[in-house]
Amino acid sequence: MDQFNRGSGANVQNGVQKLVGTNYNYWRMCMEAYYQGQDLWELVYGSDVEIPADTPENVEPRRKWKIKCGKALFDLRTSINKEFIDHLCDVGSPQQVWGTLERLFSKKNTTRLQLLENKLAMTMQGTMSISEYFLRVKNICAGISELDVTEKISVACLRRFLIRGLNKEYTPLLPPYKGGHNNHQFKN
């Protein structure tokens, strides 16, 4: 396998799982280690965060910095899911990209939290296999819990969301509930 397809899925870049929003902390840890191993971390947090001054004696250091910066930006931009790329269009250095992603994912973001909660409420099995559907719901719940550590989703609530979105063919396999299959309460 080449360097862009290592791992178990197509969402792996340089051995690092792509940033999909719900895995920011894991992605950050892996990218930091990858950058340190590739001698690129200084472009994010270190002495190489800014391009050397445009002077005659800095022609070669500027050229080398631009090449190194280009490699780092390529790695960063291709290691995130395309839904987040719009946030990085006008960002010109690895340090700025890193800072933008840090602001988007590291603090409680109520807009993102609301989007994930809406996504969870609307998620249905549809054409997904059971395992794909369960994984999707579990990943959304993990994202919600990561954004708001004080309001983690309980196992009981996770089960209710999973059951609610199952295709009707699985209804006979479910235990009976008062009020029928579609009248579940979604409170923790």
N, C-alpha and C. Protein backbone atom coordinates (compact mmCIF):
# COMPACT_ATOMS: atom_id res chain seq x y z
N MET A 1 0.84 -1.19 0.00
CA MET A 1 0.00 0.00 0.00
C MET A 1 0.88 1.24 0.00
N ASP A 2 0.46 2.26 -0.67
CA ASP A 2 1.23 3.49 -0.67
C ASP A 2 0.95 4.30 0.59
N GLN A 3 1.70 5.39 0.77
CA GLN A 3 1.60 6.18 2.00
C GLN A 3 0.24 6.82 2.20
N PHE A 4 -0.56 6.96 1.16
CA PHE A 4 -1.84 7.62 1.29
C PHE A 4 -2.97 6.66 1.61
N ASN A 5 -2.72 5.36 1.57
CA ASN A 5 -3.79 4.40 1.80
C ASN A 5 -3.45 3.38 2.87
N ARG A 6 -2.51 3.70 3.73
CA ARG A 6 -2.21 2.78 4.82
C ARG A 6 -3.35 2.75 5.80
N GLY A 7 -3.48 1.64 6.48
CA GLY A 7 -4.55 1.54 7.48
C GLY A 7 -5.72 0.76 6.94
N SER A 8 -6.81 0.84 7.65
CA SER A 8 -7.96 0.00 7.33
C SER A 8 -8.96 0.65 6.40
N GLY A 9 -8.81 1.93 6.09
CA GLY A 9 -9.82 2.56 5.25
C GLY A 9 -9.24 3.67 4.40
N ALA A 10 -10.08 4.19 3.52
CA ALA A 10 -9.65 5.26 2.63
C ALA A 10 -9.54 6.59 3.35
N ASN A 11 -9.99 6.68 4.58
CA ASN A 11 -9.92 7.93 5.34
C ASN A 11 -8.65 8.02 6.16
N VAL A 12 -7.56 7.47 5.64
CA VAL A 12 -6.28 7.50 6.32
C VAL A 12 -5.27 8.19 5.41
N GLN A 13 -4.56 9.17 5.97
CA GLN A 13 -3.55 9.93 5.24
C GLN A 13 -2.25 9.85 6.02
N ASN A 14 -1.18 9.37 5.41
CA ASN A 14 0.12 9.26 6.08
C ASN A 14 0.02 8.48 7.38
N GLY A 15 -0.83 7.49 7.43
CA GLY A 15 -1.00 6.70 8.63
C GLY A 15 -1.86 7.37 9.68
N VAL A 16 -2.40 8.55 9.38
CA VAL A 16 -3.23 9.30 10.32
C VAL A 16 -4.67 9.31 9.82
N GLN A 17 -5.59 8.92 10.69
CA GLN A 17 -7.00 8.94 10.34
C GLN A 17 -7.43 10.38 10.05
N LYS A 18 -8.18 10.58 8.95
CA LYS A 18 -8.61 11.93 8.58
C LYS A 18 -9.46 12.57 9.68
N LEU A 19 -9.34 13.88 9.80
CA LEU A 19 -10.17 14.65 10.73
C LEU A 19 -11.57 14.73 10.15
N VAL A 20 -12.53 14.17 10.88
CA VAL A 20 -13.92 14.19 10.44
C VAL A 20 -14.80 15.00 11.39
N GLY A 21 -14.20 15.66 12.34
CA GLY A 21 -14.95 16.50 13.27
C GLY A 21 -15.12 15.86 14.62
N THR A 22 -15.45 14.57 14.63
CA THR A 22 -15.69 13.91 15.91
C THR A 22 -14.42 13.29 16.49
N ASN A 23 -13.33 13.33 15.74
CA ASN A 23 -12.09 12.70 16.20
C ASN A 23 -10.94 13.71 16.34
N TYR A 24 -11.27 14.96 16.63
CA TYR A 24 -10.24 16.01 16.65
C TYR A 24 -9.09 15.70 17.60
N ASN A 25 -9.38 15.32 18.83
CA ASN A 25 -8.31 15.10 19.79
C ASN A 25 -7.35 14.00 19.33
N TYR A 26 -7.91 12.92 18.81
CA TYR A 26 -7.09 11.82 18.31
C TYR A 26 -6.29 12.28 17.08
N TRP A 27 -6.96 12.97 16.14
CA TRP A 27 -6.30 13.47 14.94
C TRP A 27 -5.15 14.40 15.31
N ARG A 28 -5.40 15.30 16.25
CA ARG A 28 -4.39 16.28 16.66
C ARG A 28 -3.15 15.58 17.22
N MET A 29 -3.35 14.60 18.08
CA MET A 29 -2.24 13.86 18.68
C MET A 29 -1.43 13.14 17.59
N CYS A 30 -2.12 12.50 16.66
CA CYS A 30 -1.43 11.78 15.58
C CYS A 30 -0.70 12.72 14.63
N MET A 31 -1.34 13.83 14.26
CA MET A 31 -0.70 14.79 13.35
C MET A 31 0.51 15.44 14.01
N GLU A 32 0.41 15.73 15.29
CA GLU A 32 1.55 16.32 15.99
C GLU A 32 2.73 15.35 15.95
N ALA A 33 2.48 14.09 16.23
CA ALA A 33 3.55 13.08 16.18
C ALA A 33 4.10 12.93 14.77
N TYR A 34 3.21 12.92 13.79
CA TYR A 34 3.64 12.81 12.39
C TYR A 34 4.51 14.01 12.01
N TYR A 35 4.07 15.21 12.35
CA TYR A 35 4.84 16.42 12.03
C TYR A 35 6.20 16.41 12.72
N GLN A 36 6.25 15.96 13.95
CA GLN A 36 7.53 15.89 14.65
C GLN A 36 8.46 14.91 13.94
N GLY A 37 7.92 13.78 13.51
CA GLY A 37 8.71 12.80 12.79
C GLY A 37 9.18 13.27 11.42
N GLN A 38 8.44 14.15 10.80
CA GLN A 38 8.78 14.69 9.48
C GLN A 38 9.54 16.02 9.57
N ASP A 39 9.89 16.43 10.78
CA ASP A 39 10.59 17.69 11.02
C ASP A 39 9.81 18.90 10.50
N LEU A 40 8.48 18.86 10.71
CA LEU A 40 7.59 19.94 10.28
C LEU A 40 6.94 20.68 11.46
N TRP A 41 7.11 20.16 12.66
CA TRP A 41 6.42 20.72 13.83
C TRP A 41 6.86 22.16 14.11
N GLU A 42 8.09 22.50 13.76
CA GLU A 42 8.60 23.87 13.98
C GLU A 42 7.80 24.89 13.18
N LEU A 43 7.11 24.44 12.11
CA LEU A 43 6.27 25.34 11.32
C LEU A 43 4.97 25.67 12.04
N VAL A 44 4.59 24.83 12.99
CA VAL A 44 3.35 25.03 13.74
C VAL A 44 3.63 25.72 15.06
N TYR A 45 4.53 25.16 15.84
CA TYR A 45 4.91 25.72 17.14
C TYR A 45 6.43 25.68 17.24
N GLY A 46 7.07 26.73 16.82
CA GLY A 46 8.52 26.73 16.92
C GLY A 46 9.15 27.91 16.23
N SER A 47 10.39 27.73 15.84
CA SER A 47 11.17 28.83 15.28
C SER A 47 10.88 29.09 13.80
N ASP A 48 10.17 28.18 13.12
CA ASP A 48 9.92 28.34 11.69
C ASP A 48 8.50 28.76 11.35
N VAL A 49 7.77 29.35 12.29
CA VAL A 49 6.37 29.68 12.02
C VAL A 49 6.22 30.81 11.01
N GLU A 50 7.23 31.65 10.86
CA GLU A 50 7.16 32.77 9.91
C GLU A 50 8.23 32.62 8.85
N ILE A 51 7.88 33.04 7.65
CA ILE A 51 8.83 33.00 6.53
C ILE A 51 9.98 33.95 6.83
N PRO A 52 11.22 33.55 6.52
CA PRO A 52 12.36 34.44 6.74
C PRO A 52 12.18 35.74 5.93
N ALA A 53 12.74 36.80 6.44
CA ALA A 53 12.64 38.12 5.81
C ALA A 53 13.15 38.07 4.37
N ASP A 54 12.55 38.90 3.53
CA ASP A 54 12.91 38.94 2.11
C ASP A 54 14.13 39.84 1.92
N THR A 55 15.28 39.24 2.16
CA THR A 55 16.55 39.97 2.01
C THR A 55 17.46 39.13 1.11
N PRO A 56 18.49 39.75 0.53
CA PRO A 56 19.40 38.98 -0.35
C PRO A 56 20.04 37.78 0.33
N GLU A 57 20.36 37.90 1.61
CA GLU A 57 21.01 36.77 2.31
C GLU A 57 20.00 35.67 2.70
N ASN A 58 18.71 35.95 2.60
CA ASN A 58 17.68 34.96 2.95
C ASN A 58 17.02 34.29 1.75
N VAL A 59 17.59 34.46 0.56
CA VAL A 59 16.97 33.87 -0.63
C VAL A 59 16.83 32.36 -0.47
N GLU A 60 17.91 31.68 -0.10
CA GLU A 60 17.86 30.21 0.03
C GLU A 60 17.02 29.77 1.23
N PRO A 61 17.15 30.40 2.42
CA PRO A 61 16.27 30.01 3.54
C PRO A 61 14.79 30.22 3.22
N ARG A 62 14.46 31.29 2.48
CA ARG A 62 13.04 31.53 2.10
C ARG A 62 12.55 30.43 1.16
N ARG A 63 13.39 30.06 0.19
CA ARG A 63 13.02 29.01 -0.76
C ARG A 63 12.78 27.69 -0.02
N LYS A 64 13.68 27.34 0.89
CA LYS A 64 13.54 26.10 1.67
C LYS A 64 12.30 26.16 2.57
N TRP A 65 12.05 27.31 3.17
CA TRP A 65 10.87 27.46 4.03
C TRP A 65 9.60 27.27 3.22
N LYS A 66 9.54 27.87 2.02
CA LYS A 66 8.34 27.74 1.18
C LYS A 66 8.10 26.29 0.79
N ILE A 67 9.14 25.53 0.48
CA ILE A 67 8.99 24.12 0.13
C ILE A 67 8.49 23.33 1.33
N LYS A 68 9.12 23.55 2.48
CA LYS A 68 8.72 22.87 3.71
C LYS A 68 7.29 23.23 4.09
N CYS A 69 6.95 24.50 3.96
CA CYS A 69 5.60 24.98 4.27
C CYS A 69 4.58 24.35 3.32
N GLY A 70 4.92 24.25 2.04
CA GLY A 70 4.03 23.63 1.07
C GLY A 70 3.74 22.18 1.41
N LYS A 71 4.77 21.44 1.82
CA LYS A 71 4.59 20.04 2.22
C LYS A 71 3.68 19.95 3.45
N ALA A 72 3.92 20.81 4.41
CA ALA A 72 3.12 20.79 5.64
C ALA A 72 1.67 21.15 5.36
N LEU A 73 1.44 22.16 4.53
CA LEU A 73 0.07 22.56 4.19
C LEU A 73 -0.64 21.44 3.42
N PHE A 74 0.07 20.79 2.51
CA PHE A 74 -0.52 19.67 1.78
C PHE A 74 -0.95 18.57 2.75
N ASP A 75 -0.05 18.21 3.66
CA ASP A 75 -0.38 17.16 4.64
C ASP A 75 -1.58 17.56 5.49
N LEU A 76 -1.62 18.80 5.94
CA LEU A 76 -2.74 19.26 6.77
C LEU A 76 -4.05 19.25 6.00
N ARG A 77 -4.04 19.86 4.83
CA ARG A 77 -5.28 20.00 4.06
C ARG A 77 -5.82 18.67 3.57
N THR A 78 -4.94 17.72 3.30
CA THR A 78 -5.42 16.42 2.84
C THR A 78 -5.72 15.47 3.99
N SER A 79 -5.44 15.90 5.22
CA SER A 79 -5.73 15.05 6.37
C SER A 79 -7.04 15.43 7.05
N ILE A 80 -7.79 16.33 6.44
CA ILE A 80 -9.09 16.70 7.01
C ILE A 80 -10.18 16.40 5.99
N ASN A 81 -11.36 16.12 6.49
CA ASN A 81 -12.50 15.84 5.64
C ASN A 81 -12.85 17.09 4.84
N LYS A 82 -13.32 16.92 3.62
CA LYS A 82 -13.55 18.06 2.73
C LYS A 82 -14.60 19.03 3.25
N GLU A 83 -15.47 18.61 4.16
CA GLU A 83 -16.48 19.53 4.68
C GLU A 83 -15.88 20.66 5.50
N PHE A 84 -14.62 20.54 5.93
CA PHE A 84 -13.98 21.57 6.75
C PHE A 84 -13.00 22.43 5.95
N ILE A 85 -12.78 22.10 4.70
CA ILE A 85 -11.76 22.78 3.90
C ILE A 85 -12.09 24.26 3.68
N ASP A 86 -13.37 24.61 3.64
CA ASP A 86 -13.74 26.02 3.45
C ASP A 86 -13.18 26.92 4.55
N HIS A 87 -12.98 26.38 5.73
CA HIS A 87 -12.43 27.16 6.84
C HIS A 87 -10.95 27.47 6.63
N LEU A 88 -10.31 26.78 5.67
CA LEU A 88 -8.87 26.89 5.51
C LEU A 88 -8.44 27.51 4.18
N CYS A 89 -9.39 27.94 3.37
CA CYS A 89 -9.06 28.47 2.04
C CYS A 89 -8.13 29.67 2.08
N ASP A 90 -8.34 30.58 3.00
CA ASP A 90 -7.56 31.82 3.06
C ASP A 90 -6.44 31.76 4.09
N VAL A 91 -6.12 30.57 4.55
CA VAL A 91 -5.11 30.39 5.58
C VAL A 91 -3.82 29.97 4.90
N GLY A 92 -2.73 30.73 5.14
CA GLY A 92 -1.52 30.53 4.36
C GLY A 92 -0.35 29.84 5.01
N SER A 93 -0.41 29.54 6.28
CA SER A 93 0.72 28.87 6.91
C SER A 93 0.22 27.71 7.77
N PRO A 94 1.09 26.72 8.01
CA PRO A 94 0.69 25.60 8.87
C PRO A 94 0.25 26.06 10.27
N GLN A 95 0.92 27.08 10.81
CA GLN A 95 0.54 27.58 12.12
C GLN A 95 -0.88 28.14 12.09
N GLN A 96 -1.24 28.86 11.03
CA GLN A 96 -2.58 29.43 10.91
C GLN A 96 -3.63 28.33 10.72
N VAL A 97 -3.31 27.31 9.92
CA VAL A 97 -4.24 26.18 9.73
C VAL A 97 -4.47 25.49 11.07
N TRP A 98 -3.39 25.21 11.78
CA TRP A 98 -3.48 24.54 13.07
C TRP A 98 -4.32 25.36 14.05
N GLY A 99 -4.08 26.67 14.10
CA GLY A 99 -4.85 27.54 14.98
C GLY A 99 -6.32 27.59 14.62
N THR A 100 -6.62 27.61 13.32
CA THR A 100 -8.02 27.62 12.87
C THR A 100 -8.72 26.33 13.30
N LEU A 101 -8.07 25.21 13.10
CA LEU A 101 -8.67 23.93 13.49
C LEU A 101 -8.82 23.84 15.01
N GLU A 102 -7.85 24.36 15.73
CA GLU A 102 -7.92 24.38 17.20
C GLU A 102 -9.14 25.17 17.66
N ARG A 103 -9.37 26.32 17.05
CA ARG A 103 -10.54 27.14 17.42
C ARG A 103 -11.85 26.44 17.06
N LEU A 104 -11.87 25.75 15.93
CA LEU A 104 -13.09 25.07 15.49
C LEU A 104 -13.46 23.88 16.37
N PHE A 105 -12.46 23.15 16.85
CA PHE A 105 -12.76 21.87 17.47
C PHE A 105 -12.40 21.73 18.94
N SER A 106 -11.58 22.58 19.49
CA SER A 106 -11.12 22.32 20.86
C SER A 106 -11.99 22.91 21.95
N LYS A 107 -12.73 23.95 21.66
CA LYS A 107 -13.59 24.51 22.69
C LYS A 107 -15.04 24.14 22.41
N LYS A 108 -15.87 24.35 23.39
CA LYS A 108 -17.28 24.05 23.20
C LYS A 108 -17.84 24.99 22.13
N ASN A 109 -18.30 24.40 21.08
CA ASN A 109 -18.83 25.16 19.96
C ASN A 109 -20.32 24.85 19.88
N THR A 110 -21.14 25.77 20.36
CA THR A 110 -22.57 25.49 20.46
C THR A 110 -23.22 25.28 19.10
N THR A 111 -22.75 25.96 18.08
CA THR A 111 -23.31 25.75 16.75
C THR A 111 -23.01 24.34 16.26
N ARG A 112 -21.76 23.92 16.39
CA ARG A 112 -21.37 22.56 15.98
C ARG A 112 -22.12 21.53 16.82
N LEU A 113 -22.26 21.79 18.12
CA LEU A 113 -22.99 20.89 18.99
C LEU A 113 -24.43 20.73 18.52
N GLN A 114 -25.08 21.83 18.19
CA GLN A 114 -26.46 21.77 17.71
C GLN A 114 -26.56 21.01 16.39
N LEU A 115 -25.59 21.22 15.50
CA LEU A 115 -25.58 20.50 14.23
C LEU A 115 -25.47 18.99 14.46
N LEU A 116 -24.59 18.59 15.38
CA LEU A 116 -24.44 17.17 15.67
C LEU A 116 -25.69 16.59 16.32
N GLU A 117 -26.30 17.34 17.23
CA GLU A 117 -27.54 16.87 17.86
C GLU A 117 -28.65 16.71 16.82
N ASN A 118 -28.74 17.65 15.88
CA ASN A 118 -29.73 17.53 14.80
C ASN A 118 -29.42 16.34 13.91
N LYS A 119 -28.14 16.15 13.61
CA LYS A 119 -27.73 15.01 12.78
C LYS A 119 -28.10 13.69 13.46
N LEU A 120 -27.88 13.62 14.77
CA LEU A 120 -28.23 12.43 15.52
C LEU A 120 -29.73 12.17 15.46
N ALA A 121 -30.52 13.21 15.66
CA ALA A 121 -31.98 13.06 15.65
C ALA A 121 -32.49 12.63 14.28
N MET A 122 -31.80 12.99 13.21
CA MET A 122 -32.25 12.67 11.85
C MET A 122 -31.65 11.39 11.28
N THR A 123 -30.67 10.82 11.95
CA THR A 123 -29.97 9.65 11.41
C THR A 123 -30.88 8.43 11.39
N MET A 124 -30.99 7.85 10.22
CA MET A 124 -31.79 6.65 10.02
C MET A 124 -30.90 5.61 9.33
N GLN A 125 -31.21 4.35 9.52
CA GLN A 125 -30.41 3.29 8.93
C GLN A 125 -30.42 3.35 7.41
N GLY A 126 -31.56 3.50 6.81
CA GLY A 126 -31.65 3.58 5.36
C GLY A 126 -30.98 2.40 4.68
N THR A 127 -30.01 2.67 3.81
CA THR A 127 -29.34 1.61 3.06
C THR A 127 -28.07 1.12 3.75
N MET A 128 -27.75 1.67 4.93
CA MET A 128 -26.55 1.24 5.65
C MET A 128 -26.77 -0.14 6.27
N SER A 129 -25.68 -0.88 6.41
CA SER A 129 -25.76 -2.13 7.16
C SER A 129 -25.95 -1.77 8.63
N ILE A 130 -26.33 -2.75 9.42
CA ILE A 130 -26.51 -2.53 10.86
C ILE A 130 -25.22 -1.99 11.47
N SER A 131 -24.09 -2.62 11.14
CA SER A 131 -22.83 -2.18 11.75
C SER A 131 -22.45 -0.77 11.30
N GLU A 132 -22.68 -0.42 10.03
CA GLU A 132 -22.40 0.94 9.57
C GLU A 132 -23.29 1.96 10.29
N TYR A 133 -24.56 1.61 10.43
CA TYR A 133 -25.51 2.48 11.11
C TYR A 133 -25.13 2.67 12.58
N PHE A 134 -24.84 1.58 13.28
CA PHE A 134 -24.45 1.67 14.69
C PHE A 134 -23.19 2.52 14.84
N LEU A 135 -22.22 2.32 13.95
CA LEU A 135 -20.97 3.08 14.02
C LEU A 135 -21.23 4.56 13.79
N ARG A 136 -22.09 4.89 12.82
CA ARG A 136 -22.40 6.29 12.55
C ARG A 136 -23.04 6.95 13.78
N VAL A 137 -24.03 6.31 14.37
CA VAL A 137 -24.69 6.87 15.55
C VAL A 137 -23.70 7.01 16.70
N LYS A 138 -22.89 5.99 16.89
CA LYS A 138 -21.90 6.02 17.98
C LYS A 138 -20.89 7.15 17.76
N ASN A 139 -20.45 7.37 16.52
CA ASN A 139 -19.50 8.45 16.23
C ASN A 139 -20.12 9.83 16.44
N ILE A 140 -21.38 9.99 16.07
CA ILE A 140 -22.05 11.27 16.31
C ILE A 140 -22.15 11.52 17.81
N CYS A 141 -22.53 10.50 18.57
CA CYS A 141 -22.61 10.63 20.03
C CYS A 141 -21.25 10.95 20.63
N ALA A 142 -20.19 10.33 20.11
CA ALA A 142 -18.84 10.62 20.61
C ALA A 142 -18.48 12.08 20.33
N GLY A 143 -18.88 12.58 19.16
CA GLY A 143 -18.63 13.98 18.82
C GLY A 143 -19.36 14.93 19.75
N ILE A 144 -20.60 14.60 20.07
CA ILE A 144 -21.39 15.42 20.99
C ILE A 144 -20.73 15.42 22.37
N SER A 145 -20.33 14.25 22.83
CA SER A 145 -19.69 14.14 24.13
C SER A 145 -18.36 14.87 24.18
N GLU A 146 -17.64 14.88 23.06
CA GLU A 146 -16.36 15.58 23.00
C GLU A 146 -16.55 17.08 23.05
N LEU A 147 -17.61 17.58 22.42
CA LEU A 147 -17.87 19.01 22.42
C LEU A 147 -18.43 19.50 23.74
N ASP A 148 -19.18 18.65 24.41
CA ASP A 148 -19.80 19.04 25.67
C ASP A 148 -19.61 17.93 26.69
N VAL A 149 -18.46 17.97 27.38
CA VAL A 149 -18.12 16.89 28.31
C VAL A 149 -19.04 16.84 29.52
N THR A 150 -19.77 17.93 29.78
CA THR A 150 -20.68 17.93 30.92
C THR A 150 -22.00 17.25 30.60
N GLU A 151 -22.31 17.04 29.34
CA GLU A 151 -23.58 16.45 28.92
C GLU A 151 -23.35 15.21 28.07
N LYS A 152 -22.60 14.26 28.59
CA LYS A 152 -22.35 13.03 27.84
C LYS A 152 -23.65 12.28 27.60
N ILE A 153 -23.74 11.60 26.48
CA ILE A 153 -24.93 10.83 26.13
C ILE A 153 -24.85 9.49 26.83
N SER A 154 -25.88 9.16 27.57
CA SER A 154 -25.90 7.91 28.33
C SER A 154 -26.06 6.73 27.38
N VAL A 155 -25.70 5.55 27.86
CA VAL A 155 -25.85 4.33 27.08
C VAL A 155 -27.33 4.10 26.77
N ALA A 156 -28.21 4.37 27.74
CA ALA A 156 -29.65 4.18 27.51
C ALA A 156 -30.15 5.10 26.40
N CYS A 157 -29.69 6.34 26.38
CA CYS A 157 -30.10 7.28 25.34
C CYS A 157 -29.54 6.85 23.98
N LEU A 158 -28.30 6.40 23.97
CA LEU A 158 -27.70 5.89 22.74
C LEU A 158 -28.53 4.74 22.17
N ARG A 159 -28.94 3.83 23.03
CA ARG A 159 -29.78 2.70 22.60
C ARG A 159 -31.09 3.20 21.99
N ARG A 160 -31.71 4.18 22.64
CA ARG A 160 -32.98 4.70 22.10
C ARG A 160 -32.80 5.32 20.72
N PHE A 161 -31.71 6.05 20.52
CA PHE A 161 -31.46 6.62 19.20
C PHE A 161 -31.21 5.52 18.17
N LEU A 162 -30.45 4.51 18.56
CA LEU A 162 -30.19 3.40 17.64
C LEU A 162 -31.48 2.71 17.23
N ILE A 163 -32.32 2.41 18.20
CA ILE A 163 -33.58 1.71 17.92
C ILE A 163 -34.50 2.56 17.07
N ARG A 164 -34.58 3.83 17.37
CA ARG A 164 -35.47 4.74 16.64
C ARG A 164 -35.16 4.78 15.16
N GLY A 165 -33.90 4.71 14.79
CA GLY A 165 -33.51 4.85 13.40
C GLY A 165 -33.41 3.57 12.61
N LEU A 166 -33.66 2.44 13.27
CA LEU A 166 -33.59 1.17 12.55
C LEU A 166 -34.68 1.05 11.51
N ASN A 167 -34.38 0.32 10.46
CA ASN A 167 -35.40 0.04 9.44
C ASN A 167 -36.53 -0.77 10.06
N LYS A 168 -37.72 -0.65 9.51
CA LYS A 168 -38.92 -1.31 10.05
C LYS A 168 -38.78 -2.82 10.11
N GLU A 169 -37.96 -3.41 9.27
CA GLU A 169 -37.80 -4.86 9.26
C GLU A 169 -37.27 -5.40 10.59
N TYR A 170 -36.64 -4.53 11.39
CA TYR A 170 -36.10 -4.96 12.68
C TYR A 170 -37.08 -4.75 13.83
N THR A 171 -38.21 -4.11 13.58
CA THR A 171 -39.21 -3.83 14.62
C THR A 171 -39.66 -5.10 15.35
N PRO A 172 -39.93 -6.22 14.66
CA PRO A 172 -40.36 -7.42 15.39
C PRO A 172 -39.31 -7.97 16.35
N LEU A 173 -38.05 -7.63 16.14
CA LEU A 173 -36.97 -8.13 17.00
C LEU A 173 -36.81 -7.31 18.27
N LEU A 174 -37.45 -6.16 18.33
CA LEU A 174 -37.30 -5.26 19.46
C LEU A 174 -38.26 -5.63 20.58
N PRO A 175 -37.84 -5.41 21.82
CA PRO A 175 -38.75 -5.67 22.94
C PRO A 175 -39.93 -4.71 22.88
N PRO A 176 -41.07 -5.10 23.40
CA PRO A 176 -42.23 -4.21 23.36
C PRO A 176 -42.02 -2.98 24.25
N TYR A 177 -42.46 -1.83 23.76
CA TYR A 177 -42.39 -0.58 24.52
C TYR A 177 -43.80 -0.03 24.66
N LYS A 178 -44.06 0.59 25.76
CA LYS A 178 -45.36 1.25 25.95
C LYS A 178 -45.46 2.38 24.94
N GLY A 179 -46.58 2.47 24.28
CA GLY A 179 -46.78 3.56 23.34
C GLY A 179 -46.29 3.25 21.94
N GLY A 180 -45.73 2.07 21.70
CA GLY A 180 -45.33 1.69 20.35
C GLY A 180 -43.91 2.10 20.02
N HIS A 181 -43.43 1.62 18.90
CA HIS A 181 -42.05 1.80 18.46
C HIS A 181 -41.68 3.26 18.24
N ASN A 182 -42.57 4.06 17.72
CA ASN A 182 -42.24 5.45 17.37
C ASN A 182 -42.47 6.45 18.49
N ASN A 183 -42.84 6.00 19.67
CA ASN A 183 -43.15 6.94 20.75
C ASN A 183 -42.12 6.90 21.87
N HIS A 184 -40.86 6.61 21.56
CA HIS A 184 -39.82 6.56 22.58
C HIS A 184 -39.55 7.97 23.11
N GLN A 185 -39.22 8.04 24.37
CA GLN A 185 -38.75 9.29 24.95
C GLN A 185 -37.25 9.33 24.80
N PHE A 186 -36.69 10.45 24.37
CA PHE A 186 -35.26 10.54 24.12
C PHE A 186 -34.53 11.31 25.21
N LYS A 187 -35.00 11.24 26.40
CA LYS A 187 -34.32 11.92 27.51
C LYS A 187 -33.37 10.94 28.16
N ASN A 188 -32.30 11.47 28.73
CA ASN A 188 -31.29 10.63 29.42
C ASN A 188 -31.85 10.06 30.67
